Amino acid sequence: AAGERIAGHRAQGRDVRFVSLDLTATCWLRCFRTPQATLLVLCQVHDLESAEYEPIFRAMRHSLALVEEV
């Protein structure tokens, strides 16, 4: 199991490794609930590019914010 705070909420999920087109890939799945909705965040990258893109995906997840509807 994996978890982190996203948009001020405790998100639970998994870090998944799998093979796709003869390359290994990593996928970060995170899910959390608010009173209005259940949200799923998914990031995926081939492992050849993960050193470059994992920090970017982490920064994107941490920068997410919820906006209330008017």
N, C-alpha and C. Protein backbone atom coordinates (compact mmCIF):
# COMPACT_ATOMS: atom_id res chain seq x y z
N ALA A 1 0.84 -1.19 0.00
CA ALA A 1 0.00 0.00 0.00
C ALA A 1 0.88 1.24 0.00
N ALA A 2 0.37 2.28 -0.59
CA ALA A 2 1.09 3.55 -0.65
C ALA A 2 0.11 4.66 -0.34
N GLY A 3 0.60 5.71 0.26
CA GLY A 3 -0.27 6.83 0.58
C GLY A 3 0.49 8.13 0.59
N GLU A 4 -0.25 9.20 0.43
CA GLU A 4 0.31 10.55 0.47
C GLU A 4 -0.83 11.54 0.58
N ARG A 5 -0.52 12.78 0.88
CA ARG A 5 -1.54 13.82 0.94
C ARG A 5 -1.66 14.46 -0.44
N ILE A 6 -2.90 14.52 -0.92
CA ILE A 6 -3.20 15.16 -2.20
C ILE A 6 -4.37 16.10 -1.96
N ALA A 7 -4.21 17.35 -2.33
CA ALA A 7 -5.25 18.36 -2.19
C ALA A 7 -5.78 18.42 -0.76
N GLY A 8 -4.88 18.23 0.21
CA GLY A 8 -5.27 18.30 1.60
C GLY A 8 -5.97 17.07 2.14
N HIS A 9 -6.03 16.00 1.36
CA HIS A 9 -6.72 14.77 1.77
C HIS A 9 -5.72 13.62 1.80
N ARG A 10 -5.96 12.68 2.70
CA ARG A 10 -5.13 11.49 2.78
C ARG A 10 -5.53 10.54 1.66
N ALA A 11 -4.65 10.35 0.68
CA ALA A 11 -4.92 9.49 -0.47
C ALA A 11 -4.25 8.14 -0.25
N GLN A 12 -4.97 7.08 -0.50
CA GLN A 12 -4.46 5.72 -0.41
C GLN A 12 -4.32 5.14 -1.80
N GLY A 13 -3.44 4.17 -1.97
CA GLY A 13 -3.31 3.57 -3.30
C GLY A 13 -2.22 2.53 -3.36
N ARG A 14 -1.73 2.35 -4.55
CA ARG A 14 -0.69 1.35 -4.84
C ARG A 14 0.30 1.92 -5.84
N ASP A 15 1.53 1.43 -5.76
CA ASP A 15 2.53 1.64 -6.79
C ASP A 15 2.62 0.31 -7.53
N VAL A 16 2.32 0.32 -8.82
CA VAL A 16 2.20 -0.92 -9.60
C VAL A 16 3.29 -0.95 -10.66
N ARG A 17 3.99 -2.07 -10.78
CA ARG A 17 4.97 -2.27 -11.85
C ARG A 17 4.45 -3.37 -12.75
N PHE A 18 4.57 -3.18 -14.07
CA PHE A 18 4.07 -4.16 -15.02
C PHE A 18 4.85 -4.06 -16.32
N VAL A 19 4.63 -5.02 -17.22
CA VAL A 19 5.30 -5.05 -18.52
C VAL A 19 4.31 -4.62 -19.58
N SER A 20 4.75 -3.70 -20.44
CA SER A 20 3.93 -3.21 -21.54
C SER A 20 4.83 -3.04 -22.76
N LEU A 21 4.52 -3.70 -23.84
CA LEU A 21 5.31 -3.61 -25.07
C LEU A 21 6.79 -3.88 -24.80
N ASP A 22 7.08 -4.93 -24.06
CA ASP A 22 8.45 -5.37 -23.75
C ASP A 22 9.23 -4.40 -22.86
N LEU A 23 8.58 -3.41 -22.29
CA LEU A 23 9.21 -2.49 -21.35
C LEU A 23 8.51 -2.58 -20.01
N THR A 24 9.26 -2.41 -18.93
CA THR A 24 8.61 -2.34 -17.64
C THR A 24 8.10 -0.92 -17.42
N ALA A 25 7.01 -0.83 -16.72
CA ALA A 25 6.40 0.47 -16.46
C ALA A 25 5.99 0.53 -14.99
N THR A 26 5.85 1.74 -14.51
CA THR A 26 5.37 1.98 -13.15
C THR A 26 4.15 2.87 -13.23
N CYS A 27 3.17 2.55 -12.39
CA CYS A 27 1.93 3.32 -12.32
C CYS A 27 1.68 3.65 -10.85
N TRP A 28 1.38 4.91 -10.57
CA TRP A 28 1.03 5.33 -9.22
C TRP A 28 -0.47 5.58 -9.19
N LEU A 29 -1.18 4.81 -8.40
CA LEU A 29 -2.63 4.96 -8.24
C LEU A 29 -2.90 5.54 -6.85
N ARG A 30 -3.68 6.60 -6.80
CA ARG A 30 -4.08 7.20 -5.52
C ARG A 30 -5.56 7.55 -5.59
N CYS A 31 -6.26 7.34 -4.49
CA CYS A 31 -7.69 7.59 -4.44
C CYS A 31 -8.03 8.23 -3.10
N PHE A 32 -8.98 9.18 -3.13
CA PHE A 32 -9.48 9.76 -1.89
C PHE A 32 -10.90 10.25 -2.10
N ARG A 33 -11.61 10.41 -0.98
CA ARG A 33 -12.99 10.86 -1.01
C ARG A 33 -13.11 12.26 -0.42
N THR A 34 -14.06 12.99 -0.98
CA THR A 34 -14.50 14.25 -0.40
C THR A 34 -16.00 14.12 -0.20
N PRO A 35 -16.64 15.05 0.46
CA PRO A 35 -18.09 14.97 0.59
C PRO A 35 -18.80 15.01 -0.77
N GLN A 36 -18.17 15.59 -1.77
CA GLN A 36 -18.81 15.73 -3.08
C GLN A 36 -18.46 14.61 -4.06
N ALA A 37 -17.31 13.95 -3.91
CA ALA A 37 -16.89 13.00 -4.93
C ALA A 37 -15.78 12.09 -4.42
N THR A 38 -15.57 11.01 -5.15
CA THR A 38 -14.40 10.15 -4.96
C THR A 38 -13.47 10.43 -6.14
N LEU A 39 -12.20 10.67 -5.86
CA LEU A 39 -11.26 11.04 -6.91
C LEU A 39 -10.16 9.99 -7.04
N LEU A 40 -9.75 9.73 -8.27
CA LEU A 40 -8.67 8.80 -8.58
C LEU A 40 -7.60 9.56 -9.35
N VAL A 41 -6.37 9.45 -8.89
CA VAL A 41 -5.23 10.07 -9.57
C VAL A 41 -4.34 8.93 -10.06
N LEU A 42 -4.01 8.94 -11.35
CA LEU A 42 -3.18 7.90 -11.95
C LEU A 42 -2.04 8.55 -12.72
N CYS A 43 -0.83 8.10 -12.46
CA CYS A 43 0.35 8.55 -13.21
C CYS A 43 1.07 7.29 -13.69
N GLN A 44 1.53 7.29 -14.93
CA GLN A 44 2.18 6.11 -15.47
C GLN A 44 3.36 6.52 -16.34
N VAL A 45 4.46 5.77 -16.23
CA VAL A 45 5.65 6.06 -17.03
C VAL A 45 6.42 4.76 -17.26
N HIS A 46 7.05 4.65 -18.42
CA HIS A 46 7.95 3.53 -18.67
C HIS A 46 9.19 3.74 -17.83
N ASP A 47 9.75 2.67 -17.31
CA ASP A 47 10.87 2.78 -16.38
C ASP A 47 12.11 3.41 -17.00
N LEU A 48 12.25 3.37 -18.31
CA LEU A 48 13.39 4.03 -18.96
C LEU A 48 13.35 5.54 -18.75
N GLU A 49 12.15 6.08 -18.52
CA GLU A 49 11.98 7.52 -18.35
C GLU A 49 11.63 7.91 -16.92
N SER A 50 11.55 6.93 -16.01
CA SER A 50 11.04 7.23 -14.68
C SER A 50 11.95 8.17 -13.89
N ALA A 51 13.26 8.08 -14.06
CA ALA A 51 14.15 8.98 -13.31
C ALA A 51 13.87 10.44 -13.66
N GLU A 52 13.50 10.69 -14.91
CA GLU A 52 13.21 12.05 -15.35
C GLU A 52 11.81 12.49 -14.95
N TYR A 53 10.83 11.58 -15.10
CA TYR A 53 9.42 11.99 -14.94
C TYR A 53 8.82 11.75 -13.56
N GLU A 54 9.37 10.85 -12.76
CA GLU A 54 8.78 10.61 -11.44
C GLU A 54 8.74 11.87 -10.60
N PRO A 55 9.82 12.67 -10.53
CA PRO A 55 9.72 13.91 -9.74
C PRO A 55 8.67 14.88 -10.27
N ILE A 56 8.46 14.90 -11.57
CA ILE A 56 7.44 15.77 -12.16
C ILE A 56 6.05 15.30 -11.75
N PHE A 57 5.81 13.97 -11.85
CA PHE A 57 4.51 13.44 -11.43
C PHE A 57 4.26 13.67 -9.95
N ARG A 58 5.29 13.52 -9.12
CA ARG A 58 5.14 13.77 -7.68
C ARG A 58 4.76 15.22 -7.44
N ALA A 59 5.45 16.15 -8.12
CA ALA A 59 5.14 17.57 -7.97
C ALA A 59 3.72 17.88 -8.45
N MET A 60 3.29 17.24 -9.53
CA MET A 60 1.92 17.45 -10.03
C MET A 60 0.91 16.98 -9.01
N ARG A 61 1.12 15.79 -8.41
CA ARG A 61 0.18 15.28 -7.41
C ARG A 61 0.11 16.21 -6.21
N HIS A 62 1.25 16.72 -5.78
CA HIS A 62 1.28 17.59 -4.60
C HIS A 62 0.73 18.99 -4.90
N SER A 63 0.65 19.37 -6.15
CA SER A 63 0.15 20.69 -6.49
C SER A 63 -1.37 20.71 -6.75
N LEU A 64 -1.99 19.53 -6.77
CA LEU A 64 -3.44 19.48 -7.03
C LEU A 64 -4.21 20.17 -5.90
N ALA A 65 -5.27 20.86 -6.30
CA ALA A 65 -6.15 21.54 -5.34
C ALA A 65 -7.58 21.36 -5.78
N LEU A 66 -8.48 21.27 -4.84
CA LEU A 66 -9.91 21.16 -5.13
C LEU A 66 -10.53 22.55 -5.14
N VAL A 67 -11.42 22.77 -6.08
CA VAL A 67 -12.12 24.04 -6.19
C VAL A 67 -13.60 23.76 -6.00
N GLU A 68 -14.22 24.48 -5.09
CA GLU A 68 -15.65 24.29 -4.85
C GLU A 68 -16.46 24.90 -6.00
N GLU A 69 -17.52 24.20 -6.37
CA GLU A 69 -18.42 24.74 -7.40
C GLU A 69 -19.23 25.88 -6.82
N VAL A 70 -19.54 26.87 -7.63
CA VAL A 70 -20.32 28.02 -7.18
C VAL A 70 -21.77 27.82 -7.53
